């Protein structure tokens, strides 16, 4: 007889990778709402999120150690947000110092209601 302890709801069907990313600037243009979704996994990865301005300078960063959920939804505070400027969110996932996947998400620092924003991949 199978018990709830026998059922593994998180499993790695293939290499861990980033499936989707989205960035939504807040109305004050000093913070961004970041959403990232991963493929299923058993062993939690470390996640590094960093936001770069158009010159490549880092204006926000967050490191999540042994993140246990395949979905991230959090707020990053920008050091000096410039309205309408181009930015890039970088997301990297790693285990044991080995990079498993990295994605870039370019965006413009303009407020739009999240429901009205263009869908992401």
N, C-alpha and C. Protein backbone atom coordinates (compact mmCIF):
# COMPACT_ATOMS: atom_id res chain seq x y z
N UNK A 1 0.85 -1.18 0.00
CA UNK A 1 0.00 0.00 0.00
C UNK A 1 0.89 1.24 0.00
N UNK A 2 0.54 2.21 -0.83
CA UNK A 2 1.33 3.43 -0.98
C UNK A 2 0.90 4.46 0.06
N UNK A 3 1.86 5.08 0.71
CA UNK A 3 1.57 6.14 1.67
C UNK A 3 1.97 7.47 1.05
N UNK A 4 1.58 8.56 1.71
CA UNK A 4 1.95 9.88 1.19
C UNK A 4 3.45 10.08 1.17
N UNK A 5 4.18 9.36 2.01
CA UNK A 5 5.64 9.48 2.00
C UNK A 5 6.25 8.83 0.76
N UNK A 6 5.54 7.92 0.10
CA UNK A 6 6.04 7.24 -1.09
C UNK A 6 5.85 8.07 -2.36
N UNK A 7 5.00 9.09 -2.31
CA UNK A 7 4.70 9.88 -3.50
C UNK A 7 5.63 11.08 -3.55
N UNK A 8 6.40 11.15 -4.61
CA UNK A 8 7.32 12.27 -4.78
C UNK A 8 6.71 13.24 -5.79
N UNK A 9 6.27 14.40 -5.32
CA UNK A 9 5.62 15.36 -6.19
C UNK A 9 6.62 16.21 -6.96
N UNK A 10 7.81 16.38 -6.44
CA UNK A 10 8.87 17.10 -7.16
C UNK A 10 9.85 16.08 -7.70
N UNK A 11 10.10 16.13 -8.99
CA UNK A 11 11.06 15.22 -9.59
C UNK A 11 11.72 15.94 -10.76
N UNK A 12 12.89 15.48 -11.08
CA UNK A 12 13.60 16.07 -12.21
C UNK A 12 13.43 15.16 -13.41
N UNK A 13 12.59 15.58 -14.35
CA UNK A 13 12.35 14.81 -15.56
C UNK A 13 13.48 15.02 -16.56
N UNK A 14 14.27 16.03 -16.37
CA UNK A 14 15.38 16.35 -17.26
C UNK A 14 16.25 17.37 -16.57
N UNK A 15 17.18 17.97 -17.31
CA UNK A 15 18.04 18.99 -16.70
C UNK A 15 17.21 20.17 -16.16
N UNK A 16 17.58 20.64 -15.00
CA UNK A 16 16.90 21.79 -14.40
C UNK A 16 17.15 23.01 -15.27
N UNK A 17 16.08 23.74 -15.60
CA UNK A 17 16.22 24.92 -16.43
C UNK A 17 15.14 25.95 -16.09
N UNK A 18 15.37 27.16 -16.54
CA UNK A 18 14.41 28.25 -16.36
C UNK A 18 13.38 28.14 -17.47
N UNK A 19 12.11 28.08 -17.11
CA UNK A 19 11.04 27.97 -18.11
C UNK A 19 10.48 29.32 -18.52
N UNK A 20 10.30 30.22 -17.56
CA UNK A 20 9.71 31.54 -17.85
C UNK A 20 10.29 32.58 -16.91
N UNK A 21 10.28 33.83 -17.44
CA UNK A 21 10.67 34.98 -16.61
C UNK A 21 9.77 36.14 -16.99
N UNK A 22 9.53 37.01 -16.01
CA UNK A 22 8.78 38.24 -16.26
C UNK A 22 9.25 39.29 -15.27
N UNK A 23 9.22 40.55 -15.71
CA UNK A 23 9.57 41.68 -14.85
C UNK A 23 8.48 42.73 -15.02
N UNK A 24 7.98 43.24 -13.91
CA UNK A 24 6.97 44.29 -13.92
C UNK A 24 7.43 45.42 -12.99
N UNK A 25 7.80 46.58 -13.54
CA UNK A 25 8.17 47.71 -12.68
C UNK A 25 6.97 48.20 -11.87
N UNK A 26 7.23 48.61 -10.64
CA UNK A 26 6.20 49.21 -9.79
C UNK A 26 5.95 50.65 -10.26
N UNK A 27 4.83 51.25 -9.88
CA UNK A 27 4.53 52.63 -10.30
C UNK A 27 5.60 53.65 -9.91
N UNK A 28 6.30 53.43 -8.78
CA UNK A 28 7.33 54.39 -8.35
C UNK A 28 8.63 54.26 -9.15
N UNK A 29 8.76 53.21 -9.98
CA UNK A 29 9.93 52.94 -10.81
C UNK A 29 11.22 52.80 -10.00
N UNK A 30 11.08 52.45 -8.73
CA UNK A 30 12.24 52.21 -7.86
C UNK A 30 12.34 50.74 -7.48
N UNK A 31 11.31 49.98 -7.84
CA UNK A 31 11.25 48.55 -7.51
C UNK A 31 10.71 47.80 -8.73
N UNK A 32 11.12 46.53 -8.83
CA UNK A 32 10.57 45.68 -9.89
C UNK A 32 10.05 44.39 -9.27
N UNK A 33 8.94 43.92 -9.81
CA UNK A 33 8.36 42.64 -9.41
C UNK A 33 8.91 41.60 -10.37
N UNK A 34 9.62 40.63 -9.82
CA UNK A 34 10.29 39.61 -10.61
C UNK A 34 9.58 38.28 -10.42
N UNK A 35 9.32 37.61 -11.54
CA UNK A 35 8.73 36.27 -11.49
C UNK A 35 9.58 35.35 -12.36
N UNK A 36 9.94 34.19 -11.80
CA UNK A 36 10.74 33.21 -12.51
C UNK A 36 10.15 31.84 -12.21
N UNK A 37 10.06 31.00 -13.24
CA UNK A 37 9.55 29.64 -13.06
C UNK A 37 10.58 28.66 -13.60
N UNK A 38 10.83 27.58 -12.83
CA UNK A 38 11.80 26.55 -13.19
C UNK A 38 11.08 25.26 -13.56
N UNK A 39 11.81 24.35 -14.19
CA UNK A 39 11.32 23.00 -14.38
C UNK A 39 11.32 22.31 -13.00
N UNK A 40 10.66 21.17 -12.91
CA UNK A 40 10.58 20.44 -11.63
C UNK A 40 11.98 19.97 -11.21
N UNK A 41 12.19 19.90 -9.90
CA UNK A 41 13.49 19.47 -9.39
C UNK A 41 13.33 18.81 -8.03
N UNK A 42 14.31 17.96 -7.70
CA UNK A 42 14.36 17.32 -6.39
C UNK A 42 15.31 18.06 -5.46
N UNK A 43 16.54 18.29 -5.93
CA UNK A 43 17.54 18.98 -5.12
C UNK A 43 17.42 20.47 -5.35
N UNK A 44 17.25 21.26 -4.29
CA UNK A 44 17.08 22.71 -4.46
C UNK A 44 18.34 23.39 -4.99
N UNK A 45 18.17 24.26 -5.97
CA UNK A 45 19.31 24.99 -6.52
C UNK A 45 19.52 26.32 -5.80
N UNK A 46 20.68 26.90 -6.02
CA UNK A 46 20.92 28.29 -5.64
C UNK A 46 20.52 29.15 -6.84
N UNK A 47 19.92 30.29 -6.56
CA UNK A 47 19.44 31.17 -7.62
C UNK A 47 20.05 32.55 -7.42
N UNK A 48 20.62 33.10 -8.47
CA UNK A 48 21.16 34.46 -8.43
C UNK A 48 20.35 35.30 -9.40
N UNK A 49 19.77 36.37 -8.90
CA UNK A 49 19.04 37.33 -9.71
C UNK A 49 19.80 38.64 -9.66
N UNK A 50 20.08 39.21 -10.82
CA UNK A 50 20.72 40.51 -10.84
C UNK A 50 20.12 41.35 -11.96
N UNK A 51 20.03 42.64 -11.71
CA UNK A 51 19.47 43.57 -12.68
C UNK A 51 20.59 44.52 -13.10
N UNK A 52 20.77 44.64 -14.43
CA UNK A 52 21.82 45.49 -14.98
C UNK A 52 21.19 46.65 -15.73
N UNK A 53 21.82 47.82 -15.63
CA UNK A 53 21.35 48.96 -16.42
C UNK A 53 21.91 48.84 -17.84
N UNK A 54 21.61 49.79 -18.69
CA UNK A 54 22.01 49.71 -20.10
C UNK A 54 23.53 49.75 -20.28
N UNK A 55 24.26 50.25 -19.29
CA UNK A 55 25.73 50.29 -19.35
C UNK A 55 26.36 49.02 -18.79
N UNK A 56 25.52 48.08 -18.30
CA UNK A 56 26.03 46.84 -17.74
C UNK A 56 26.36 46.90 -16.26
N UNK A 57 26.00 48.02 -15.60
CA UNK A 57 26.23 48.15 -14.16
C UNK A 57 25.12 47.44 -13.39
N UNK A 58 25.51 46.72 -12.34
CA UNK A 58 24.52 46.03 -11.52
C UNK A 58 23.80 47.04 -10.62
N UNK A 59 22.47 47.06 -10.70
CA UNK A 59 21.69 48.01 -9.91
C UNK A 59 20.81 47.31 -8.87
N UNK A 60 20.79 45.97 -8.89
CA UNK A 60 20.07 45.19 -7.88
C UNK A 60 20.57 43.76 -7.97
N UNK A 61 20.59 43.07 -6.83
CA UNK A 61 21.03 41.67 -6.81
C UNK A 61 20.39 40.96 -5.63
N UNK A 62 20.11 39.67 -5.84
CA UNK A 62 19.60 38.83 -4.75
C UNK A 62 20.11 37.42 -4.98
N UNK A 63 20.56 36.77 -3.91
CA UNK A 63 21.00 35.38 -3.96
C UNK A 63 20.07 34.57 -3.08
N UNK A 64 19.48 33.54 -3.65
CA UNK A 64 18.57 32.65 -2.93
C UNK A 64 19.28 31.31 -2.79
N UNK A 65 19.59 30.92 -1.56
CA UNK A 65 20.35 29.70 -1.31
C UNK A 65 19.39 28.54 -1.10
N UNK A 66 19.61 27.46 -1.85
CA UNK A 66 18.80 26.24 -1.80
C UNK A 66 17.31 26.56 -1.88
N UNK A 67 16.93 27.26 -2.94
CA UNK A 67 15.53 27.64 -3.17
C UNK A 67 14.71 26.37 -3.42
N UNK A 68 13.60 26.21 -2.69
CA UNK A 68 12.86 24.96 -2.70
C UNK A 68 11.57 24.97 -3.50
N UNK A 69 11.25 26.05 -4.15
CA UNK A 69 10.00 26.16 -4.90
C UNK A 69 10.32 26.39 -6.38
N UNK A 70 9.60 25.76 -7.30
CA UNK A 70 9.90 25.99 -8.72
C UNK A 70 9.40 27.34 -9.24
N UNK A 71 8.88 28.17 -8.34
CA UNK A 71 8.35 29.47 -8.74
C UNK A 71 8.88 30.54 -7.79
N UNK A 72 9.38 31.63 -8.35
CA UNK A 72 9.86 32.77 -7.55
C UNK A 72 8.99 33.97 -7.89
N UNK A 73 8.56 34.68 -6.88
CA UNK A 73 7.85 35.94 -7.04
C UNK A 73 8.34 36.86 -5.93
N UNK A 74 9.12 37.87 -6.31
CA UNK A 74 9.70 38.76 -5.29
C UNK A 74 9.92 40.16 -5.86
N UNK A 75 10.28 41.07 -4.96
CA UNK A 75 10.53 42.46 -5.33
C UNK A 75 12.01 42.77 -5.18
N UNK A 76 12.60 43.35 -6.23
CA UNK A 76 13.96 43.86 -6.15
C UNK A 76 13.90 45.38 -6.12
N UNK A 77 14.72 45.99 -5.28
CA UNK A 77 14.81 47.45 -5.17
C UNK A 77 15.99 47.92 -6.01
N UNK A 78 15.72 48.83 -6.93
CA UNK A 78 16.77 49.36 -7.80
C UNK A 78 17.54 50.47 -7.09
N UNK A 79 18.84 50.50 -7.26
CA UNK A 79 19.65 51.52 -6.60
C UNK A 79 19.32 52.92 -7.13
N UNK A 80 19.28 53.08 -8.42
CA UNK A 80 18.96 54.38 -9.02
C UNK A 80 18.23 54.14 -10.32
N UNK A 81 16.95 53.85 -10.24
CA UNK A 81 16.15 53.57 -11.42
C UNK A 81 15.99 54.81 -12.29
N UNK A 82 16.17 54.66 -13.58
CA UNK A 82 16.00 55.75 -14.54
C UNK A 82 14.77 55.44 -15.38
N UNK A 83 13.71 56.24 -15.23
CA UNK A 83 12.48 55.98 -15.99
C UNK A 83 12.74 55.86 -17.49
N UNK A 84 12.09 54.89 -18.09
CA UNK A 84 12.12 54.60 -19.53
C UNK A 84 13.46 54.05 -20.03
N UNK A 85 14.42 53.84 -19.14
CA UNK A 85 15.71 53.28 -19.54
C UNK A 85 15.58 51.77 -19.74
N UNK A 86 16.53 51.21 -20.51
CA UNK A 86 16.57 49.78 -20.75
C UNK A 86 17.36 49.09 -19.64
N UNK A 87 16.86 47.95 -19.19
CA UNK A 87 17.50 47.14 -18.16
C UNK A 87 17.46 45.69 -18.60
N UNK A 88 18.24 44.85 -17.93
CA UNK A 88 18.24 43.42 -18.18
C UNK A 88 18.25 42.70 -16.83
N UNK A 89 17.31 41.77 -16.67
CA UNK A 89 17.32 40.89 -15.51
C UNK A 89 18.07 39.63 -15.90
N UNK A 90 19.05 39.24 -15.09
CA UNK A 90 19.78 37.99 -15.29
C UNK A 90 19.36 37.02 -14.20
N UNK A 91 19.03 35.80 -14.59
CA UNK A 91 18.70 34.75 -13.62
C UNK A 91 19.63 33.58 -13.89
N UNK A 92 20.27 33.09 -12.85
CA UNK A 92 21.17 31.94 -12.96
C UNK A 92 20.81 30.93 -11.88
N UNK A 93 20.78 29.65 -12.25
CA UNK A 93 20.56 28.60 -11.27
C UNK A 93 21.78 27.67 -11.27
N UNK A 94 22.19 27.28 -10.07
CA UNK A 94 23.40 26.47 -9.93
C UNK A 94 23.25 25.52 -8.75
N UNK A 95 24.05 24.47 -8.80
CA UNK A 95 24.20 23.54 -7.68
C UNK A 95 25.68 23.21 -7.55
N UNK A 96 26.17 23.20 -6.35
CA UNK A 96 27.56 22.84 -6.10
C UNK A 96 28.52 23.59 -7.02
N UNK A 97 28.31 24.90 -7.13
CA UNK A 97 29.17 25.79 -7.93
C UNK A 97 29.09 25.53 -9.44
N UNK A 98 28.17 24.65 -9.88
CA UNK A 98 28.02 24.38 -11.31
C UNK A 98 26.79 25.09 -11.85
N UNK A 99 26.99 25.94 -12.85
CA UNK A 99 25.89 26.66 -13.47
C UNK A 99 25.04 25.69 -14.27
N UNK A 100 23.72 25.65 -13.99
CA UNK A 100 22.80 24.75 -14.68
C UNK A 100 22.05 25.45 -15.80
N UNK A 101 21.71 26.72 -15.59
CA UNK A 101 21.02 27.50 -16.62
C UNK A 101 21.12 28.96 -16.27
N UNK A 102 21.07 29.78 -17.30
CA UNK A 102 21.08 31.22 -17.13
C UNK A 102 20.25 31.85 -18.24
N UNK A 103 19.45 32.83 -17.89
CA UNK A 103 18.58 33.50 -18.86
C UNK A 103 18.67 35.00 -18.65
N UNK A 104 18.47 35.74 -19.74
CA UNK A 104 18.39 37.21 -19.68
C UNK A 104 16.98 37.63 -20.07
N UNK A 105 16.50 38.67 -19.40
CA UNK A 105 15.18 39.22 -19.72
C UNK A 105 15.31 40.73 -19.84
N UNK A 106 15.39 41.25 -21.06
CA UNK A 106 15.47 42.71 -21.24
C UNK A 106 14.11 43.36 -21.00
N UNK A 107 14.11 44.54 -20.39
CA UNK A 107 12.85 45.25 -20.16
C UNK A 107 13.13 46.75 -20.07
N UNK A 108 12.08 47.51 -20.24
CA UNK A 108 12.17 48.97 -20.12
C UNK A 108 11.52 49.36 -18.80
N UNK A 109 12.11 50.31 -18.10
CA UNK A 109 11.59 50.74 -16.80
C UNK A 109 10.40 51.68 -17.00
N UNK A 110 9.27 51.07 -17.31
CA UNK A 110 8.01 51.77 -17.54
C UNK A 110 6.93 50.98 -16.82
N UNK A 111 6.07 51.67 -16.07
CA UNK A 111 5.00 50.98 -15.36
C UNK A 111 3.87 50.63 -16.31
N UNK A 112 3.42 49.38 -16.26
CA UNK A 112 2.22 48.89 -16.93
C UNK A 112 1.52 47.99 -15.93
N UNK A 113 0.20 48.00 -15.95
CA UNK A 113 -0.53 47.05 -15.11
C UNK A 113 -0.13 45.64 -15.53
N UNK A 114 0.22 44.75 -14.59
CA UNK A 114 0.66 43.40 -14.97
C UNK A 114 -0.34 42.65 -15.84
N UNK A 115 -1.64 42.87 -15.65
CA UNK A 115 -2.64 42.18 -16.47
C UNK A 115 -2.59 42.65 -17.92
N UNK A 116 -2.12 43.87 -18.15
CA UNK A 116 -2.08 44.44 -19.49
C UNK A 116 -0.73 44.26 -20.17
N UNK A 117 0.25 43.81 -19.42
CA UNK A 117 1.59 43.64 -19.98
C UNK A 117 1.60 42.46 -20.96
N UNK A 118 2.51 42.52 -21.88
CA UNK A 118 2.62 41.47 -22.89
C UNK A 118 2.94 40.13 -22.21
N UNK A 119 2.36 39.03 -22.69
CA UNK A 119 2.64 37.72 -22.10
C UNK A 119 4.09 37.34 -22.32
N UNK A 120 4.62 36.53 -21.39
CA UNK A 120 6.01 36.08 -21.50
C UNK A 120 6.02 34.60 -21.81
N UNK A 121 7.08 34.18 -22.48
CA UNK A 121 7.31 32.89 -23.02
C UNK A 121 7.09 31.73 -22.23
